[in-house]
Amino acid sequence: MALTEFTSIDQIEIVGGWNIQVRQATVITKDGVQVARSFHRWVLNPDSDIGGQEQKVQDIANAAWTPEVKAAYEAFKAQALKGVA
């Protein structure tokens, strides 16, 4: 009776034009049969430090976050801050 646990990034989505939503699945199996699965999600923005992310997440971020997307994100942040002040 062996329990095994593993995690993997199983979903990466671009949401709202520049946010990257990452889902990590944790799967527990008993003798090769899945007995539990849970998820952990997080969101990265164009100004996020992606150095600690898995390579496939970094690759998608580098492809999606073009200079134009980064500029649009910065303009969005500036506009949002004007509404707060």
N, C-alpha and C. Protein backbone atom coordinates (compact mmCIF):
# COMPACT_ATOMS: atom_id res chain seq x y z
N MET A 1 0.85 -1.17 0.00
CA MET A 1 0.00 0.00 0.00
C MET A 1 0.90 1.24 0.00
N ALA A 2 1.16 1.76 -1.19
CA ALA A 2 2.05 2.91 -1.32
C ALA A 2 1.27 4.16 -1.69
N LEU A 3 1.47 5.20 -0.89
CA LEU A 3 0.90 6.50 -1.21
C LEU A 3 1.97 7.33 -1.91
N THR A 4 1.57 8.00 -2.97
CA THR A 4 2.48 8.84 -3.72
C THR A 4 1.83 10.20 -3.94
N GLU A 5 2.61 11.25 -3.81
CA GLU A 5 2.11 12.61 -4.04
C GLU A 5 3.01 13.29 -5.05
N PHE A 6 2.41 13.97 -6.01
CA PHE A 6 3.19 14.77 -6.94
C PHE A 6 2.44 16.04 -7.30
N THR A 7 3.20 17.05 -7.69
CA THR A 7 2.60 18.32 -8.11
C THR A 7 3.06 18.62 -9.52
N SER A 8 2.20 19.33 -10.25
CA SER A 8 2.56 19.77 -11.60
C SER A 8 1.72 20.98 -11.98
N ILE A 9 2.32 21.83 -12.79
CA ILE A 9 1.58 22.94 -13.37
C ILE A 9 0.73 22.33 -14.47
N ASP A 10 -0.59 22.39 -14.32
CA ASP A 10 -1.45 21.74 -15.31
C ASP A 10 -2.29 22.72 -16.12
N GLN A 11 -2.20 24.00 -15.79
CA GLN A 11 -2.97 24.98 -16.56
C GLN A 11 -2.31 26.35 -16.45
N ILE A 12 -2.16 27.01 -17.61
CA ILE A 12 -1.64 28.37 -17.66
C ILE A 12 -2.55 29.14 -18.60
N GLU A 13 -3.13 30.23 -18.09
CA GLU A 13 -4.06 31.02 -18.89
C GLU A 13 -3.67 32.49 -18.87
N ILE A 14 -3.93 33.17 -19.97
CA ILE A 14 -3.79 34.62 -20.00
C ILE A 14 -5.18 35.20 -19.83
N VAL A 15 -5.33 36.02 -18.79
CA VAL A 15 -6.63 36.55 -18.41
C VAL A 15 -6.55 38.08 -18.41
N GLY A 16 -7.55 38.71 -18.97
CA GLY A 16 -7.63 40.17 -18.94
C GLY A 16 -6.59 40.87 -19.79
N GLY A 17 -6.01 40.17 -20.73
CA GLY A 17 -5.04 40.79 -21.63
C GLY A 17 -3.60 40.70 -21.20
N TRP A 18 -3.32 40.64 -19.89
CA TRP A 18 -1.92 40.59 -19.45
C TRP A 18 -1.70 39.75 -18.20
N ASN A 19 -2.73 39.41 -17.46
CA ASN A 19 -2.53 38.57 -16.27
C ASN A 19 -2.32 37.12 -16.70
N ILE A 20 -1.37 36.47 -16.08
CA ILE A 20 -1.15 35.05 -16.32
C ILE A 20 -1.58 34.30 -15.07
N GLN A 21 -2.58 33.45 -15.23
CA GLN A 21 -3.08 32.65 -14.12
C GLN A 21 -2.49 31.25 -14.23
N VAL A 22 -1.87 30.81 -13.17
CA VAL A 22 -1.21 29.51 -13.14
C VAL A 22 -1.94 28.61 -12.16
N ARG A 23 -2.19 27.36 -12.58
CA ARG A 23 -2.80 26.39 -11.68
C ARG A 23 -1.84 25.22 -11.50
N GLN A 24 -1.62 24.89 -10.25
CA GLN A 24 -0.77 23.75 -9.91
C GLN A 24 -1.64 22.68 -9.26
N ALA A 25 -1.57 21.48 -9.77
CA ALA A 25 -2.34 20.36 -9.22
C ALA A 25 -1.43 19.54 -8.31
N THR A 26 -1.98 19.14 -7.18
CA THR A 26 -1.33 18.17 -6.30
C THR A 26 -2.18 16.92 -6.33
N VAL A 27 -1.58 15.82 -6.71
CA VAL A 27 -2.30 14.56 -6.86
C VAL A 27 -1.72 13.53 -5.89
N ILE A 28 -2.61 12.85 -5.18
CA ILE A 28 -2.20 11.77 -4.28
C ILE A 28 -2.77 10.47 -4.84
N THR A 29 -1.90 9.50 -4.98
CA THR A 29 -2.34 8.19 -5.47
C THR A 29 -2.02 7.12 -4.44
N LYS A 30 -2.84 6.08 -4.46
CA LYS A 30 -2.62 4.91 -3.61
C LYS A 30 -2.55 3.72 -4.53
N ASP A 31 -1.39 3.08 -4.56
CA ASP A 31 -1.15 1.95 -5.45
C ASP A 31 -1.52 2.28 -6.89
N GLY A 32 -1.15 3.49 -7.33
CA GLY A 32 -1.37 3.90 -8.70
C GLY A 32 -2.75 4.43 -9.01
N VAL A 33 -3.66 4.46 -8.02
CA VAL A 33 -5.02 4.95 -8.23
C VAL A 33 -5.16 6.29 -7.52
N GLN A 34 -5.64 7.31 -8.26
CA GLN A 34 -5.81 8.63 -7.66
C GLN A 34 -6.85 8.60 -6.56
N VAL A 35 -6.47 9.12 -5.38
CA VAL A 35 -7.41 9.19 -4.26
C VAL A 35 -7.73 10.62 -3.85
N ALA A 36 -6.91 11.58 -4.30
CA ALA A 36 -7.18 12.98 -3.97
C ALA A 36 -6.47 13.87 -4.98
N ARG A 37 -7.07 15.04 -5.19
CA ARG A 37 -6.49 16.06 -6.07
C ARG A 37 -6.88 17.42 -5.50
N SER A 38 -5.92 18.31 -5.43
CA SER A 38 -6.21 19.68 -5.00
C SER A 38 -5.47 20.64 -5.92
N PHE A 39 -5.89 21.90 -5.88
CA PHE A 39 -5.30 22.90 -6.77
C PHE A 39 -4.85 24.12 -5.97
N HIS A 40 -3.80 24.73 -6.46
CA HIS A 40 -3.31 26.00 -5.94
C HIS A 40 -3.15 26.91 -7.15
N ARG A 41 -3.68 28.13 -7.06
CA ARG A 41 -3.62 29.08 -8.19
C ARG A 41 -2.93 30.37 -7.76
N TRP A 42 -2.29 31.00 -8.73
CA TRP A 42 -1.73 32.32 -8.50
C TRP A 42 -1.72 33.08 -9.81
N VAL A 43 -1.62 34.41 -9.70
CA VAL A 43 -1.68 35.28 -10.87
C VAL A 43 -0.39 36.10 -10.92
N LEU A 44 0.14 36.22 -12.12
CA LEU A 44 1.33 37.02 -12.37
C LEU A 44 0.95 38.18 -13.28
N ASN A 45 1.49 39.36 -12.99
CA ASN A 45 1.28 40.55 -13.80
C ASN A 45 2.57 40.87 -14.54
N PRO A 46 2.52 41.72 -15.57
CA PRO A 46 3.73 42.03 -16.32
C PRO A 46 4.88 42.60 -15.50
N ASP A 47 4.62 43.12 -14.30
CA ASP A 47 5.71 43.61 -13.46
C ASP A 47 6.12 42.60 -12.39
N SER A 48 5.62 41.37 -12.49
CA SER A 48 5.98 40.32 -11.53
C SER A 48 7.39 39.79 -11.82
N ASP A 49 8.07 39.38 -10.75
CA ASP A 49 9.36 38.69 -10.90
C ASP A 49 9.04 37.23 -11.22
N ILE A 50 9.40 36.78 -12.40
CA ILE A 50 9.08 35.41 -12.81
C ILE A 50 10.27 34.47 -12.69
N GLY A 51 11.35 34.94 -12.09
CA GLY A 51 12.56 34.13 -11.97
C GLY A 51 12.36 32.81 -11.25
N GLY A 52 11.46 32.75 -10.30
CA GLY A 52 11.25 31.52 -9.54
C GLY A 52 10.18 30.61 -10.12
N GLN A 53 9.60 31.01 -11.24
CA GLN A 53 8.54 30.21 -11.86
C GLN A 53 9.15 29.09 -12.70
N GLU A 54 8.36 28.02 -12.92
CA GLU A 54 8.82 26.95 -13.81
C GLU A 54 9.09 27.52 -15.20
N GLN A 55 9.96 26.86 -15.95
CA GLN A 55 10.38 27.38 -17.24
C GLN A 55 9.21 27.57 -18.20
N LYS A 56 8.23 26.67 -18.19
CA LYS A 56 7.11 26.83 -19.12
C LYS A 56 6.28 28.07 -18.79
N VAL A 57 6.20 28.44 -17.53
CA VAL A 57 5.50 29.67 -17.15
C VAL A 57 6.32 30.87 -17.61
N GLN A 58 7.62 30.83 -17.43
CA GLN A 58 8.49 31.91 -17.88
C GLN A 58 8.40 32.09 -19.40
N ASP A 59 8.37 30.98 -20.12
CA ASP A 59 8.30 31.06 -21.58
C ASP A 59 7.01 31.73 -22.04
N ILE A 60 5.90 31.39 -21.42
CA ILE A 60 4.62 31.99 -21.79
C ILE A 60 4.62 33.48 -21.42
N ALA A 61 5.12 33.81 -20.24
CA ALA A 61 5.18 35.21 -19.83
C ALA A 61 6.04 36.02 -20.79
N ASN A 62 7.18 35.50 -21.16
CA ASN A 62 8.07 36.22 -22.06
C ASN A 62 7.45 36.40 -23.45
N ALA A 63 6.65 35.45 -23.88
CA ALA A 63 5.98 35.57 -25.18
C ALA A 63 4.78 36.52 -25.11
N ALA A 64 4.05 36.47 -24.01
CA ALA A 64 2.81 37.25 -23.89
C ALA A 64 3.07 38.70 -23.52
N TRP A 65 4.08 38.94 -22.72
CA TRP A 65 4.33 40.29 -22.23
C TRP A 65 5.24 41.06 -23.18
N THR A 66 4.70 41.40 -24.32
CA THR A 66 5.42 42.20 -25.29
C THR A 66 5.59 43.62 -24.74
N PRO A 67 6.46 44.42 -25.35
CA PRO A 67 6.58 45.81 -24.90
C PRO A 67 5.24 46.55 -24.95
N GLU A 68 4.41 46.26 -25.94
CA GLU A 68 3.10 46.91 -26.05
C GLU A 68 2.19 46.51 -24.89
N VAL A 69 2.21 45.24 -24.52
CA VAL A 69 1.38 44.76 -23.41
C VAL A 69 1.86 45.38 -22.10
N LYS A 70 3.16 45.44 -21.91
CA LYS A 70 3.71 46.05 -20.70
C LYS A 70 3.32 47.53 -20.60
N ALA A 71 3.37 48.23 -21.73
CA ALA A 71 3.00 49.64 -21.74
C ALA A 71 1.51 49.81 -21.42
N ALA A 72 0.67 48.94 -21.98
CA ALA A 72 -0.77 49.02 -21.69
C ALA A 72 -1.03 48.74 -20.22
N TYR A 73 -0.30 47.80 -19.64
CA TYR A 73 -0.46 47.48 -18.22
C TYR A 73 -0.06 48.67 -17.35
N GLU A 74 1.06 49.31 -17.69
CA GLU A 74 1.51 50.48 -16.92
C GLU A 74 0.50 51.62 -17.04
N ALA A 75 -0.07 51.82 -18.22
CA ALA A 75 -1.09 52.85 -18.40
C ALA A 75 -2.33 52.53 -17.58
N PHE A 76 -2.70 51.27 -17.55
CA PHE A 76 -3.84 50.84 -16.74
C PHE A 76 -3.60 51.13 -15.27
N LYS A 77 -2.41 50.79 -14.77
CA LYS A 77 -2.09 51.05 -13.36
C LYS A 77 -2.13 52.54 -13.06
N ALA A 78 -1.56 53.35 -13.94
CA ALA A 78 -1.56 54.79 -13.72
C ALA A 78 -2.98 55.34 -13.68
N GLN A 79 -3.84 54.87 -14.56
CA GLN A 79 -5.23 55.32 -14.59
C GLN A 79 -5.95 54.88 -13.31
N ALA A 80 -5.69 53.66 -12.87
CA ALA A 80 -6.33 53.15 -11.65
C ALA A 80 -5.91 53.96 -10.44
N LEU A 81 -4.64 54.37 -10.39
CA LEU A 81 -4.15 55.16 -9.26
C LEU A 81 -4.77 56.55 -9.25
N LYS A 82 -5.08 57.10 -10.40
CA LYS A 82 -5.74 58.41 -10.47
C LYS A 82 -7.12 58.33 -9.83
N GLY A 83 -7.81 57.21 -10.01
CA GLY A 83 -9.13 57.03 -9.43
C GLY A 83 -9.10 56.90 -7.93
N VAL A 84 -7.97 56.50 -7.37
CA VAL A 84 -7.84 56.32 -5.92
C VAL A 84 -7.55 57.65 -5.24
N ALA A 85 -6.80 58.50 -5.91
CA ALA A 85 -6.35 59.76 -5.30
C ALA A 85 -7.46 60.77 -5.17
